Amino acid sequence: MRIYIRSIKTNEGNDFPTFEFCKRIEAAMHWDTRERAGHMVSSERGGITVKAPDGTERTAHISDFKIEERPQGGFAISCEDPFSIN
């Protein structure tokens, strides 16, 4: 299952931002152009490490970002959900 970046928050005193995700592209953070979304993807080209949303200490590395056009305009960034059970 693909998930979408919902928000990116900077953390005071920490160089690493916090990424929040959602399951619906309509609720995703978006950029006006594919190029702007691509800039964010290229800045994270080494990938990011995320914590499981269930509050456990599990982590996963994500690096398969894709840029997708939203039906209502703009471009969202998605990745495969590392914690989904198929």
PDB file of N, CA and C in Angstrom:
ATOM      1  N   MET A   1       0.848  -1.169   0.000  1.00  0.00           N
ATOM      2  CA  MET A   1       0.000   0.000   0.000  1.00  0.00           C
ATOM      3  C   MET A   1       0.900   1.240   0.000  1.00  0.00           C
ATOM      4  N   ARG A   2       0.536   2.228  -0.818  1.00  0.00           N
ATOM      5  CA  ARG A   2       1.290   3.473  -0.863  1.00  0.00           C
ATOM      6  C   ARG A   2       0.699   4.445   0.155  1.00  0.00           C
ATOM      7  N   ILE A   3       1.574   5.225   0.762  1.00  0.00           N
ATOM      8  CA  ILE A   3       1.163   6.278   1.687  1.00  0.00           C
ATOM      9  C   ILE A   3       1.758   7.587   1.188  1.00  0.00           C
ATOM     10  N   TYR A   4       1.202   8.693   1.646  1.00  0.00           N
ATOM     11  CA  TYR A   4       1.572  10.023   1.168  1.00  0.00           C
ATOM     12  C   TYR A   4       2.074  10.887   2.310  1.00  0.00           C
ATOM     13  N   ILE A   5       3.029  11.754   2.007  1.00  0.00           N
ATOM     14  CA  ILE A   5       3.502  12.696   3.024  1.00  0.00           C
ATOM     15  C   ILE A   5       2.378  13.672   3.323  1.00  0.00           C
ATOM     16  N   ARG A   6       1.974  13.736   4.588  1.00  0.00           N
ATOM     17  CA  ARG A   6       0.933  14.665   5.025  1.00  0.00           C
ATOM     18  C   ARG A   6       1.542  15.963   5.527  1.00  0.00           C
ATOM     19  N   SER A   7       2.685  15.868   6.212  1.00  0.00           N
ATOM     20  CA  SER A   7       3.356  17.073   6.700  1.00  0.00           C
ATOM     21  C   SER A   7       4.817  16.781   6.983  1.00  0.00           C
ATOM     22  N   ILE A   8       5.601  17.839   6.976  1.00  0.00           N
ATOM     23  CA  ILE A   8       7.012  17.764   7.344  1.00  0.00           C
ATOM     24  C   ILE A   8       7.228  18.845   8.390  1.00  0.00           C
ATOM     25  N   LYS A   9       7.643  18.449   9.575  1.00  0.00           N
ATOM     26  CA  LYS A   9       7.832  19.400  10.671  1.00  0.00           C
ATOM     27  C   LYS A   9       9.302  19.454  11.050  1.00  0.00           C
ATOM     28  N   THR A  10       9.807  20.656  11.260  1.00  0.00           N
ATOM     29  CA  THR A  10      11.176  20.789  11.743  1.00  0.00           C
ATOM     30  C   THR A  10      11.167  20.659  13.261  1.00  0.00           C
ATOM     31  N   ASN A  11      12.230  20.103  13.778  1.00  0.00           N
ATOM     32  CA  ASN A  11      12.347  19.888  15.213  1.00  0.00           C
ATOM     33  C   ASN A  11      13.442  20.785  15.765  1.00  0.00           C
ATOM     34  N   GLU A  12      13.089  21.638  16.674  1.00  0.00           N
ATOM     35  CA  GLU A  12      14.058  22.544  17.287  1.00  0.00           C
ATOM     36  C   GLU A  12      15.177  21.746  17.953  1.00  0.00           C
ATOM     37  N   GLY A  13      16.406  22.118  17.640  1.00  0.00           N
ATOM     38  CA  GLY A  13      17.541  21.446  18.236  1.00  0.00           C
ATOM     39  C   GLY A  13      17.883  20.111  17.597  1.00  0.00           C
ATOM     40  N   ASN A  14      17.224  19.793  16.480  1.00  0.00           N
ATOM     41  CA  ASN A  14      17.450  18.512  15.807  1.00  0.00           C
ATOM     42  C   ASN A  14      17.467  18.780  14.309  1.00  0.00           C
ATOM     43  N   ASP A  15      18.460  18.268  13.618  1.00  0.00           N
ATOM     44  CA  ASP A  15      18.577  18.491  12.174  1.00  0.00           C
ATOM     45  C   ASP A  15      17.610  17.651  11.355  1.00  0.00           C
ATOM     46  N   PHE A  16      16.963  16.677  11.986  1.00  0.00           N
ATOM     47  CA  PHE A  16      16.113  15.757  11.251  1.00  0.00           C
ATOM     48  C   PHE A  16      14.647  16.144  11.385  1.00  0.00           C
ATOM     49  N   PRO A  17      13.951  16.340  10.262  1.00  0.00           N
ATOM     50  CA  PRO A  17      12.524  16.677  10.333  1.00  0.00           C
ATOM     51  C   PRO A  17      11.685  15.452  10.693  1.00  0.00           C
ATOM     52  N   THR A  18      10.458  15.703  11.108  1.00  0.00           N
ATOM     53  CA  THR A  18       9.489  14.651  11.381  1.00  0.00           C
ATOM     54  C   THR A  18       8.507  14.607  10.218  1.00  0.00           C
ATOM     55  N   PHE A  19       8.354  13.431   9.631  1.00  0.00           N
ATOM     56  CA  PHE A  19       7.416  13.241   8.532  1.00  0.00           C
ATOM     57  C   PHE A  19       6.169  12.576   9.069  1.00  0.00           C
ATOM     58  N   GLU A  20       5.004  13.098   8.674  1.00  0.00           N
ATOM     59  CA  GLU A  20       3.730  12.445   8.984  1.00  0.00           C
ATOM     60  C   GLU A  20       3.126  11.989   7.663  1.00  0.00           C
ATOM     61  N   PHE A  21       2.444  10.849   7.689  1.00  0.00           N
ATOM     62  CA  PHE A  21       1.911  10.259   6.479  1.00  0.00           C
ATOM     63  C   PHE A  21       0.402  10.066   6.569  1.00  0.00           C
ATOM     64  N   CYS A  22      -0.234   9.956   5.402  1.00  0.00           N
ATOM     65  CA  CYS A  22      -1.667   9.660   5.324  1.00  0.00           C
ATOM     66  C   CYS A  22      -1.880   8.666   4.182  1.00  0.00           C
ATOM     67  N   LYS A  23      -3.059   8.076   4.138  1.00  0.00           N
ATOM     68  CA  LYS A  23      -3.347   7.050   3.135  1.00  0.00           C
ATOM     69  C   LYS A  23      -4.035   7.595   1.891  1.00  0.00           C
ATOM     70  N   ARG A  24      -4.533   8.821   1.960  1.00  0.00           N
ATOM     71  CA  ARG A  24      -5.295   9.376   0.836  1.00  0.00           C
ATOM     72  C   ARG A  24      -4.537  10.536   0.189  1.00  0.00           C
ATOM     73  N   ILE A  25      -4.407  10.502  -1.121  1.00  0.00           N
ATOM     74  CA  ILE A  25      -3.698  11.551  -1.838  1.00  0.00           C
ATOM     75  C   ILE A  25      -4.390  12.911  -1.670  1.00  0.00           C
ATOM     76  N   GLU A  26      -5.706  12.881  -1.475  1.00  0.00           N
ATOM     77  CA  GLU A  26      -6.445  14.144  -1.305  1.00  0.00           C
ATOM     78  C   GLU A  26      -6.034  14.872  -0.033  1.00  0.00           C
ATOM     79  N   ALA A  27      -5.565  14.144   0.974  1.00  0.00           N
ATOM     80  CA  ALA A  27      -5.168  14.745   2.253  1.00  0.00           C
ATOM     81  C   ALA A  27      -3.666  15.021   2.320  1.00  0.00           C
ATOM     82  N   ALA A  28      -2.951  14.709   1.258  1.00  0.00           N
ATOM     83  CA  ALA A  28      -1.495  14.818   1.279  1.00  0.00           C
ATOM     84  C   ALA A  28      -1.010  16.256   1.117  1.00  0.00           C
ATOM     85  N   MET A  29       0.158  16.514   1.686  1.00  0.00           N
ATOM     86  CA  MET A  29       0.879  17.758   1.433  1.00  0.00           C
ATOM     87  C   MET A  29       1.145  17.782  -0.066  1.00  0.00           C
ATOM     88  N   HIS A  30       1.136  18.977  -0.657  1.00  0.00           N
ATOM     89  CA  HIS A  30       1.368  19.016  -2.094  1.00  0.00           C
ATOM     90  C   HIS A  30       2.197  20.223  -2.502  1.00  0.00           C
ATOM     91  N   TRP A  31       2.791  20.090  -3.662  1.00  0.00           N
ATOM     92  CA  TRP A  31       3.624  21.129  -4.253  1.00  0.00           C
ATOM     93  C   TRP A  31       2.957  21.564  -5.549  1.00  0.00           C
ATOM     94  N   ASP A  32       3.191  22.826  -5.943  1.00  0.00           N
ATOM     95  CA  ASP A  32       2.551  23.376  -7.136  1.00  0.00           C
ATOM     96  C   ASP A  32       3.037  22.729  -8.427  1.00  0.00           C
ATOM     97  N   THR A  33       4.308  22.342  -8.457  1.00  0.00           N
ATOM     98  CA  THR A  33       4.869  21.764  -9.675  1.00  0.00           C
ATOM     99  C   THR A  33       5.569  20.445  -9.375  1.00  0.00           C
ATOM    100  N   ARG A  34       5.700  19.635 -10.406  1.00  0.00           N
ATOM    101  CA  ARG A  34       6.429  18.371 -10.283  1.00  0.00           C
ATOM    102  C   ARG A  34       7.886  18.656  -9.910  1.00  0.00           C
ATOM    103  N   GLU A  35       8.444  19.741 -10.438  1.00  0.00           N
ATOM    104  CA  GLU A  35       9.838  20.091 -10.152  1.00  0.00           C
ATOM    105  C   GLU A  35      10.050  20.409  -8.676  1.00  0.00           C
ATOM    106  N   ARG A  36       9.129  21.143  -8.066  1.00  0.00           N
ATOM    107  CA  ARG A  36       9.263  21.461  -6.632  1.00  0.00           C
ATOM    108  C   ARG A  36       9.156  20.202  -5.772  1.00  0.00           C
ATOM    109  N   ALA A  37       8.235  19.335  -6.126  1.00  0.00           N
ATOM    110  CA  ALA A  37       8.129  18.062  -5.404  1.00  0.00           C
ATOM    111  C   ALA A  37       9.405  17.250  -5.617  1.00  0.00           C
ATOM    112  N   GLY A  38       9.925  17.289  -6.824  1.00  0.00           N
ATOM    113  CA  GLY A  38      11.151  16.567  -7.134  1.00  0.00           C
ATOM    114  C   GLY A  38      12.337  17.081  -6.344  1.00  0.00           C
ATOM    115  N   HIS A  39      12.364  18.370  -6.066  1.00  0.00           N
ATOM    116  CA  HIS A  39      13.446  18.934  -5.259  1.00  0.00           C
ATOM    117  C   HIS A  39      13.423  18.347  -3.853  1.00  0.00           C
ATOM    118  N   MET A  40      12.241  18.193  -3.271  1.00  0.00           N
ATOM    119  CA  MET A  40      12.139  17.606  -1.938  1.00  0.00           C
ATOM    120  C   MET A  40      12.598  16.146  -1.977  1.00  0.00           C
ATOM    121  N   VAL A  41      12.201  15.419  -3.004  1.00  0.00           N
ATOM    122  CA  VAL A  41      12.606  14.017  -3.133  1.00  0.00           C
ATOM    123  C   VAL A  41      14.121  13.926  -3.268  1.00  0.00           C
ATOM    124  N   SER A  42      14.714  14.789  -4.080  1.00  0.00           N
ATOM    125  CA  SER A  42      16.166  14.720  -4.280  1.00  0.00           C
ATOM    126  C   SER A  42      16.925  15.113  -3.015  1.00  0.00           C
ATOM    127  N   SER A  43      16.342  15.982  -2.181  1.00  0.00           N
ATOM    128  CA  SER A  43      17.012  16.360  -0.938  1.00  0.00           C
ATOM    129  C   SER A  43      17.021  15.204   0.069  1.00  0.00           C
ATOM    130  N   GLU A  44      16.140  14.242  -0.113  1.00  0.00           N
ATOM    131  CA  GLU A  44      16.072  13.064   0.759  1.00  0.00           C
ATOM    132  C   GLU A  44      16.490  11.808  -0.004  1.00  0.00           C
ATOM    133  N   ARG A  45      17.377  11.957  -0.985  1.00  0.00           N
ATOM    134  CA  ARG A  45      17.732  10.834  -1.872  1.00  0.00           C
ATOM    135  C   ARG A  45      18.324   9.638  -1.134  1.00  0.00           C
ATOM    136  N   GLY A  46      18.911   9.873   0.031  1.00  0.00           N
ATOM    137  CA  GLY A  46      19.423   8.750   0.824  1.00  0.00           C
ATOM    138  C   GLY A  46      18.332   8.043   1.590  1.00  0.00           C
ATOM    139  N   GLY A  47      17.140   8.621   1.553  1.00  0.00           N
ATOM    140  CA  GLY A  47      16.007   8.040   2.258  1.00  0.00           C
ATOM    141  C   GLY A  47      15.854   8.617   3.654  1.00  0.00           C
ATOM    142  N   ILE A  48      14.815   8.197   4.319  1.00  0.00           N
ATOM    143  CA  ILE A  48      14.534   8.642   5.684  1.00  0.00           C
ATOM    144  C   ILE A  48      14.215   7.428   6.541  1.00  0.00           C
ATOM    145  N   THR A  49      14.442   7.552   7.830  1.00  0.00           N
ATOM    146  CA  THR A  49      14.068   6.510   8.778  1.00  0.00           C
ATOM    147  C   THR A  49      12.835   7.000   9.525  1.00  0.00           C
ATOM    148  N   VAL A  50      11.815   6.168   9.576  1.00  0.00           N
ATOM    149  CA  VAL A  50      10.560   6.543  10.235  1.00  0.00           C
ATOM    150  C   VAL A  50      10.243   5.558  11.350  1.00  0.00           C
ATOM    151  N   LYS A  51       9.497   6.042  12.319  1.00  0.00           N
ATOM    152  CA  LYS A  51       9.028   5.197  13.425  1.00  0.00           C
ATOM    153  C   LYS A  51       7.644   4.658  13.077  1.00  0.00           C
ATOM    154  N   ALA A  52       7.339   3.498  13.612  1.00  0.00           N
ATOM    155  CA  ALA A  52       6.024   2.896  13.398  1.00  0.00           C
ATOM    156  C   ALA A  52       4.944   3.777  14.020  1.00  0.00           C
ATOM    157  N   PRO A  53       3.799   3.913  13.353  1.00  0.00           N
ATOM    158  CA  PRO A  53       2.727   4.752  13.892  1.00  0.00           C
ATOM    159  C   PRO A  53       2.029   4.170  15.101  1.00  0.00           C
ATOM    160  N   ASP A  54       2.338   2.922  15.467  1.00  0.00           N
ATOM    161  CA  ASP A  54       1.656   2.287  16.599  1.00  0.00           C
ATOM    162  C   ASP A  54       2.313   2.583  17.944  1.00  0.00           C
ATOM    163  N   GLY A  55       3.349   3.439  17.938  1.00  0.00           N
ATOM    164  CA  GLY A  55       3.980   3.824  19.192  1.00  0.00           C
ATOM    165  C   GLY A  55       5.060   2.874  19.668  1.00  0.00           C
ATOM    166  N   THR A  56       5.300   1.803  18.942  1.00  0.00           N
ATOM    167  CA  THR A  56       6.369   0.884  19.318  1.00  0.00           C
ATOM    168  C   THR A  56       7.717   1.466  18.889  1.00  0.00           C
ATOM    169  N   GLU A  57       8.765   0.772  19.201  1.00  0.00           N
ATOM    170  CA  GLU A  57      10.103   1.241  18.844  1.00  0.00           C
ATOM    171  C   GLU A  57      10.540   0.790  17.447  1.00  0.00           C
ATOM    172  N   ARG A  58       9.648   0.161  16.692  1.00  0.00           N
ATOM    173  CA  ARG A  58      10.005  -0.291  15.349  1.00  0.00           C
ATOM    174  C   ARG A  58      10.325   0.892  14.443  1.00  0.00           C
ATOM    175  N   THR A  59      11.324   0.733  13.595  1.00  0.00           N
ATOM    176  CA  THR A  59      11.659   1.752  12.610  1.00  0.00           C
ATOM    177  C   THR A  59      11.808   1.086  11.247  1.00  0.00           C
ATOM    178  N   ALA A  60      11.766   1.905  10.200  1.00  0.00           N
ATOM    179  CA  ALA A  60      11.968   1.403   8.840  1.00  0.00           C
ATOM    180  C   ALA A  60      12.621   2.505   8.021  1.00  0.00           C
ATOM    181  N   HIS A  61      13.360   2.095   7.006  1.00  0.00           N
ATOM    182  CA  HIS A  61      14.008   3.036   6.103  1.00  0.00           C
ATOM    183  C   HIS A  61      13.164   3.134   4.827  1.00  0.00           C
ATOM    184  N   ILE A  62      12.893   4.360   4.395  1.00  0.00           N
ATOM    185  CA  ILE A  62      12.095   4.595   3.191  1.00  0.00           C
ATOM    186  C   ILE A  62      12.954   5.357   2.189  1.00  0.00           C
ATOM    187  N   SER A  63      12.994   4.869   0.949  1.00  0.00           N
ATOM    188  CA  SER A  63      13.735   5.587  -0.084  1.00  0.00           C
ATOM    189  C   SER A  63      13.072   5.491  -1.457  1.00  0.00           C
ATOM    190  N   ASP A  64      11.908   4.875  -1.535  1.00  0.00           N
ATOM    191  CA  ASP A  64      11.245   4.678  -2.830  1.00  0.00           C
ATOM    192  C   ASP A  64      10.185   5.749  -3.111  1.00  0.00           C
ATOM    193  N   PHE A  65      10.539   7.007  -2.922  1.00  0.00           N
ATOM    194  CA  PHE A  65       9.591   8.103  -3.114  1.00  0.00           C
ATOM    195  C   PHE A  65       9.169   8.213  -4.580  1.00  0.00           C
ATOM    196  N   LYS A  66       7.889   8.503  -4.779  1.00  0.00           N
ATOM    197  CA  LYS A  66       7.359   8.743  -6.120  1.00  0.00           C
ATOM    198  C   LYS A  66       6.515  10.016  -6.082  1.00  0.00           C
ATOM    199  N   ILE A  67       6.561  10.744  -7.168  1.00  0.00           N
ATOM    200  CA  ILE A  67       5.761  11.965  -7.292  1.00  0.00           C
ATOM    201  C   ILE A  67       4.498  11.606  -8.060  1.00  0.00           C
ATOM    202  N   GLU A  68       3.347  11.980  -7.496  1.00  0.00           N
ATOM    203  CA  GLU A  68       2.069  11.663  -8.128  1.00  0.00           C
ATOM    204  C   GLU A  68       1.226  12.925  -8.264  1.00  0.00           C
ATOM    205  N   GLU A  69       0.571  13.050  -9.405  1.00  0.00           N
ATOM    206  CA  GLU A  69      -0.320  14.186  -9.625  1.00  0.00           C
ATOM    207  C   GLU A  69      -1.617  13.956  -8.863  1.00  0.00           C
ATOM    208  N   ARG A  70      -2.052  14.999  -8.132  1.00  0.00           N
ATOM    209  CA  ARG A  70      -3.294  14.892  -7.360  1.00  0.00           C
ATOM    210  C   ARG A  70      -4.489  15.224  -8.249  1.00  0.00           C
ATOM    211  N   PRO A  71      -5.629  14.567  -8.057  1.00  0.00           N
ATOM    212  CA  PRO A  71      -6.813  14.852  -8.874  1.00  0.00           C
ATOM    213  C   PRO A  71      -7.257  16.312  -8.767  1.00  0.00           C
ATOM    214  N   GLN A  72      -7.059  16.918  -7.606  1.00  0.00           N
ATOM    215  CA  GLN A  72      -7.498  18.295  -7.393  1.00  0.00           C
ATOM    216  C   GLN A  72      -6.393  19.309  -7.679  1.00  0.00           C
ATOM    217  N   GLY A  73      -5.292  18.866  -8.271  1.00  0.00           N
ATOM    218  CA  GLY A  73      -4.204  19.764  -8.639  1.00  0.00           C
ATOM    219  C   GLY A  73      -3.009  19.632  -7.713  1.00  0.00           C
ATOM    220  N   GLY A  74      -1.857  19.957  -8.234  1.00  0.00           N
ATOM    221  CA  GLY A  74      -0.630  19.862  -7.468  1.00  0.00           C
ATOM    222  C   GLY A  74      -0.056  18.455  -7.510  1.00  0.00           C
ATOM    223  N   PHE A  75       1.069  18.275  -6.825  1.00  0.00           N
ATOM    224  CA  PHE A  75       1.791  17.008  -6.846  1.00  0.00           C
ATOM    225  C   PHE A  75       2.110  16.579  -5.422  1.00  0.00           C
ATOM    226  N   ALA A  76       1.843  15.316  -5.131  1.00  0.00           N
ATOM    227  CA  ALA A  76       2.100  14.741  -3.812  1.00  0.00           C
ATOM    228  C   ALA A  76       3.243  13.741  -3.923  1.00  0.00           C
ATOM    229  N   ILE A  77       3.840  13.423  -2.786  1.00  0.00           N
ATOM    230  CA  ILE A  77       4.931  12.462  -2.742  1.00  0.00           C
ATOM    231  C   ILE A  77       4.461  11.238  -1.961  1.00  0.00           C
ATOM    232  N   SER A  78       4.653  10.077  -2.584  1.00  0.00           N
ATOM    233  CA  SER A  78       4.238   8.830  -1.946  1.00  0.00           C
ATOM    234  C   SER A  78       5.418   7.890  -1.785  1.00  0.00           C
ATOM    235  N   CYS A  79       5.215   6.860  -0.983  1.00  0.00           N
ATOM    236  CA  CYS A  79       6.180   5.788  -0.808  1.00  0.00           C
ATOM    237  C   CYS A  79       5.415   4.556  -0.370  1.00  0.00           C
ATOM    238  N   GLU A  80       6.060   3.427  -0.462  1.00  0.00           N
ATOM    239  CA  GLU A  80       5.430   2.189   0.000  1.00  0.00           C
ATOM    240  C   GLU A  80       5.391   2.207   1.533  1.00  0.00           C
ATOM    241  N   ASP A  81       4.256   1.832   2.118  1.00  0.00           N
ATOM    242  CA  ASP A  81       4.121   1.812   3.565  1.00  0.00           C
ATOM    243  C   ASP A  81       4.978   0.665   4.124  1.00  0.00           C
ATOM    244  N   PRO A  82       6.038   0.985   4.867  1.00  0.00           N
ATOM    245  CA  PRO A  82       6.929  -0.071   5.343  1.00  0.00           C
ATOM    246  C   PRO A  82       6.317  -0.924   6.457  1.00  0.00           C
ATOM    247  N   PHE A  83       5.202  -0.487   7.010  1.00  0.00           N
ATOM    248  CA  PHE A  83       4.594  -1.203   8.119  1.00  0.00           C
ATOM    249  C   PHE A  83       3.289  -1.906   7.746  1.00  0.00           C
ATOM    250  N   SER A  84       2.900  -1.838   6.466  1.00  0.00           N
ATOM    251  CA  SER A  84       1.634  -2.478   6.084  1.00  0.00           C
ATOM    252  C   SER A  84       1.829  -3.981   6.000  1.00  0.00           C
ATOM    253  N   ILE A  85       0.789  -4.680   6.335  1.00  0.00           N
ATOM    254  CA  ILE A  85       0.798  -6.140   6.273  1.00  0.00           C
ATOM    255  C   ILE A  85      -0.123  -6.523   5.123  1.00  0.00           C
ATOM    256  N   ASN A  86       0.445  -7.138   4.114  1.00  0.00           N
ATOM    257  CA  ASN A  86      -0.352  -7.493   2.933  1.00  0.00           C
ATOM    258  C   ASN A  86      -0.968  -8.857   3.075  1.00  0.00           C
TER     259      ASN A  86
END
